[in-house]
Amino acid sequence: MAFQPHEKEVSEFVAARRIGEWISFTRNGVEVNGTIFKIMDNSVIVEISPEDAKEIGAASNMTVISHKKYTPIES
C-alpha cells in the first residue's frame, strides 16, 4: 500500500522564487549575496562565492537559508 503525497500550500513569497534568482542574507554578521540553486519547502540552497563562504565559515560555497531569512535582490 502506497501513501499518496499530500499537497502543501505554498506562500506567495515562496511561489515567486526562481532558480538563479539573486538573494541577500546575513550570516555571522556578514551580509552575503548568492543565487538560488534549489527551492525546497522551508528553505533554499544558495550558491555563494568561495570568498563569502570562507568569510562566514561555511564548509563549501553552497549553503541552506530559511525562506524567513533572506530577501530577493531586485534586478
N, C-alpha and C. Protein backbone atom coordinates (compact mmCIF):
# COMPACT_ATOMS: atom_id res chain seq x y z
N MET A 1 0.84 -1.17 0.00
CA MET A 1 0.00 0.00 0.00
C MET A 1 0.88 1.24 0.00
N ALA A 2 0.66 2.11 -0.93
CA ALA A 2 1.46 3.34 -1.03
C ALA A 2 0.62 4.53 -0.58
N PHE A 3 1.25 5.42 0.13
CA PHE A 3 0.57 6.64 0.56
C PHE A 3 0.70 7.69 -0.52
N GLN A 4 -0.38 8.40 -0.75
CA GLN A 4 -0.37 9.47 -1.72
C GLN A 4 0.24 10.72 -1.09
N PRO A 5 1.13 11.39 -1.78
CA PRO A 5 1.68 12.62 -1.21
C PRO A 5 0.59 13.68 -1.11
N HIS A 6 0.61 14.43 -0.03
CA HIS A 6 -0.39 15.49 0.11
C HIS A 6 0.24 16.81 -0.31
N GLU A 7 -0.55 17.61 -0.96
CA GLU A 7 -0.07 18.89 -1.46
C GLU A 7 -0.03 19.91 -0.34
N LYS A 8 1.08 20.60 -0.23
CA LYS A 8 1.21 21.65 0.78
C LYS A 8 0.94 22.99 0.12
N GLU A 9 0.32 23.88 0.88
CA GLU A 9 0.12 25.24 0.38
C GLU A 9 1.45 25.96 0.38
N VAL A 10 1.70 26.69 -0.66
CA VAL A 10 2.94 27.45 -0.80
C VAL A 10 2.60 28.92 -0.73
N SER A 11 3.36 29.66 0.08
CA SER A 11 3.10 31.10 0.20
C SER A 11 3.42 31.81 -1.11
N GLU A 12 2.87 32.99 -1.27
CA GLU A 12 3.15 33.79 -2.47
C GLU A 12 4.64 34.09 -2.58
N PHE A 13 5.28 34.36 -1.44
CA PHE A 13 6.71 34.67 -1.43
C PHE A 13 7.51 33.51 -2.00
N VAL A 14 7.24 32.29 -1.52
CA VAL A 14 7.98 31.12 -1.98
C VAL A 14 7.64 30.81 -3.43
N ALA A 15 6.38 30.92 -3.81
CA ALA A 15 5.96 30.64 -5.18
C ALA A 15 6.63 31.58 -6.19
N ALA A 16 7.00 32.77 -5.75
CA ALA A 16 7.62 33.76 -6.64
C ALA A 16 9.12 33.52 -6.84
N ARG A 17 9.73 32.65 -6.05
CA ARG A 17 11.17 32.39 -6.16
C ARG A 17 11.49 31.57 -7.40
N ARG A 18 12.66 31.79 -7.98
CA ARG A 18 13.10 31.09 -9.18
C ARG A 18 14.56 30.67 -9.04
N ILE A 19 14.91 29.55 -9.65
CA ILE A 19 16.30 29.10 -9.70
C ILE A 19 17.11 30.19 -10.41
N GLY A 20 18.28 30.50 -9.87
CA GLY A 20 19.14 31.52 -10.46
C GLY A 20 18.87 32.93 -9.97
N GLU A 21 17.82 33.11 -9.18
CA GLU A 21 17.48 34.43 -8.65
C GLU A 21 18.49 34.85 -7.59
N TRP A 22 18.88 36.11 -7.59
CA TRP A 22 19.80 36.64 -6.60
C TRP A 22 19.06 36.98 -5.31
N ILE A 23 19.66 36.58 -4.19
CA ILE A 23 19.09 36.90 -2.88
C ILE A 23 20.20 37.43 -1.98
N SER A 24 19.79 38.04 -0.89
CA SER A 24 20.71 38.59 0.10
C SER A 24 20.30 38.06 1.48
N PHE A 25 21.31 37.71 2.29
CA PHE A 25 21.05 37.24 3.65
C PHE A 25 22.24 37.60 4.53
N THR A 26 22.04 37.52 5.83
CA THR A 26 23.11 37.82 6.78
C THR A 26 23.43 36.55 7.57
N ARG A 27 24.71 36.24 7.63
CA ARG A 27 25.16 35.08 8.40
C ARG A 27 26.41 35.50 9.16
N ASN A 28 26.43 35.25 10.46
CA ASN A 28 27.57 35.61 11.32
C ASN A 28 27.94 37.08 11.19
N GLY A 29 26.93 37.93 11.05
CA GLY A 29 27.15 39.37 10.97
C GLY A 29 27.65 39.86 9.63
N VAL A 30 27.69 38.99 8.63
CA VAL A 30 28.19 39.36 7.30
C VAL A 30 27.04 39.29 6.31
N GLU A 31 26.84 40.35 5.54
CA GLU A 31 25.81 40.33 4.50
C GLU A 31 26.38 39.63 3.27
N VAL A 32 25.62 38.65 2.78
CA VAL A 32 26.08 37.81 1.67
C VAL A 32 25.03 37.81 0.57
N ASN A 33 25.49 37.85 -0.68
CA ASN A 33 24.61 37.71 -1.83
C ASN A 33 24.92 36.38 -2.51
N GLY A 34 23.89 35.75 -3.06
CA GLY A 34 24.09 34.50 -3.77
C GLY A 34 22.91 34.22 -4.67
N THR A 35 22.99 33.11 -5.42
CA THR A 35 21.91 32.74 -6.32
C THR A 35 21.24 31.46 -5.83
N ILE A 36 19.94 31.40 -6.02
CA ILE A 36 19.18 30.21 -5.61
C ILE A 36 19.55 29.05 -6.53
N PHE A 37 19.95 27.95 -5.92
CA PHE A 37 20.34 26.73 -6.63
C PHE A 37 19.19 25.73 -6.63
N LYS A 38 18.48 25.64 -5.49
CA LYS A 38 17.35 24.71 -5.36
C LYS A 38 16.34 25.29 -4.37
N ILE A 39 15.06 25.12 -4.68
CA ILE A 39 13.98 25.62 -3.81
C ILE A 39 13.33 24.42 -3.13
N MET A 40 13.24 24.49 -1.81
CA MET A 40 12.61 23.43 -1.03
C MET A 40 11.42 24.01 -0.27
N ASP A 41 10.71 23.17 0.49
CA ASP A 41 9.50 23.62 1.19
C ASP A 41 9.78 24.77 2.16
N ASN A 42 10.81 24.64 2.98
CA ASN A 42 11.07 25.61 4.04
C ASN A 42 12.33 26.45 3.84
N SER A 43 13.08 26.17 2.79
CA SER A 43 14.36 26.84 2.61
C SER A 43 14.81 26.77 1.15
N VAL A 44 15.93 27.42 0.89
CA VAL A 44 16.56 27.36 -0.43
C VAL A 44 18.02 26.97 -0.24
N ILE A 45 18.58 26.31 -1.24
CA ILE A 45 20.02 26.09 -1.28
C ILE A 45 20.57 27.20 -2.15
N VAL A 46 21.58 27.90 -1.64
CA VAL A 46 22.13 29.08 -2.30
C VAL A 46 23.60 28.87 -2.62
N GLU A 47 23.98 29.26 -3.82
CA GLU A 47 25.39 29.22 -4.22
C GLU A 47 25.98 30.61 -3.96
N ILE A 48 27.06 30.64 -3.17
CA ILE A 48 27.73 31.89 -2.85
C ILE A 48 29.18 31.80 -3.34
N SER A 49 29.87 32.92 -3.30
CA SER A 49 31.26 32.91 -3.75
C SER A 49 32.13 32.18 -2.73
N PRO A 50 33.25 31.60 -3.19
CA PRO A 50 34.17 30.94 -2.26
C PRO A 50 34.69 31.91 -1.20
N GLU A 51 34.86 33.17 -1.57
CA GLU A 51 35.34 34.17 -0.61
C GLU A 51 34.32 34.40 0.49
N ASP A 52 33.03 34.53 0.10
CA ASP A 52 31.97 34.70 1.11
C ASP A 52 31.84 33.46 1.98
N ALA A 53 31.98 32.29 1.38
CA ALA A 53 31.90 31.04 2.15
C ALA A 53 32.98 31.01 3.23
N LYS A 54 34.18 31.42 2.86
CA LYS A 54 35.28 31.44 3.82
C LYS A 54 35.01 32.47 4.92
N GLU A 55 34.50 33.63 4.53
CA GLU A 55 34.26 34.70 5.49
C GLU A 55 33.19 34.34 6.53
N ILE A 56 32.16 33.59 6.11
CA ILE A 56 31.11 33.22 7.06
C ILE A 56 31.35 31.86 7.71
N GLY A 57 32.43 31.19 7.33
CA GLY A 57 32.77 29.91 7.95
C GLY A 57 31.99 28.73 7.40
N ALA A 58 31.51 28.83 6.18
CA ALA A 58 30.77 27.73 5.56
C ALA A 58 31.76 26.70 5.01
N ALA A 59 31.35 25.44 5.01
CA ALA A 59 32.22 24.35 4.56
C ALA A 59 32.39 24.34 3.04
N SER A 60 31.42 24.91 2.31
CA SER A 60 31.51 24.96 0.86
C SER A 60 30.84 26.24 0.37
N ASN A 61 30.76 26.39 -0.95
CA ASN A 61 30.11 27.59 -1.49
C ASN A 61 28.60 27.39 -1.67
N MET A 62 28.06 26.30 -1.11
CA MET A 62 26.61 26.06 -1.11
C MET A 62 26.15 26.10 0.35
N THR A 63 25.04 26.81 0.59
CA THR A 63 24.52 26.90 1.95
C THR A 63 23.00 26.91 1.92
N VAL A 64 22.40 26.55 3.03
CA VAL A 64 20.94 26.49 3.14
C VAL A 64 20.44 27.69 3.92
N ILE A 65 19.41 28.34 3.40
CA ILE A 65 18.84 29.52 4.03
C ILE A 65 17.32 29.34 4.12
N SER A 66 16.78 29.58 5.31
CA SER A 66 15.33 29.54 5.51
C SER A 66 14.67 30.63 4.68
N HIS A 67 13.45 30.36 4.22
CA HIS A 67 12.71 31.38 3.46
C HIS A 67 12.49 32.63 4.30
N LYS A 68 12.53 32.50 5.62
CA LYS A 68 12.31 33.64 6.51
C LYS A 68 13.56 34.50 6.67
N LYS A 69 14.72 34.05 6.18
CA LYS A 69 15.98 34.72 6.50
C LYS A 69 16.65 35.41 5.32
N TYR A 70 16.00 35.51 4.18
CA TYR A 70 16.62 36.17 3.03
C TYR A 70 15.65 37.13 2.35
N THR A 71 16.21 38.00 1.52
CA THR A 71 15.39 38.90 0.72
C THR A 71 15.86 38.83 -0.72
N PRO A 72 14.92 38.84 -1.65
CA PRO A 72 15.30 38.85 -3.07
C PRO A 72 15.96 40.18 -3.43
N ILE A 73 16.89 40.13 -4.36
CA ILE A 73 17.55 41.33 -4.85
C ILE A 73 16.87 41.71 -6.17
N GLU A 74 16.34 42.90 -6.22
CA GLU A 74 15.67 43.38 -7.44
C GLU A 74 16.71 43.59 -8.53
N SER A 75 16.37 43.18 -9.75
CA SER A 75 17.31 43.35 -10.86
C SER A 75 17.02 44.55 -11.69
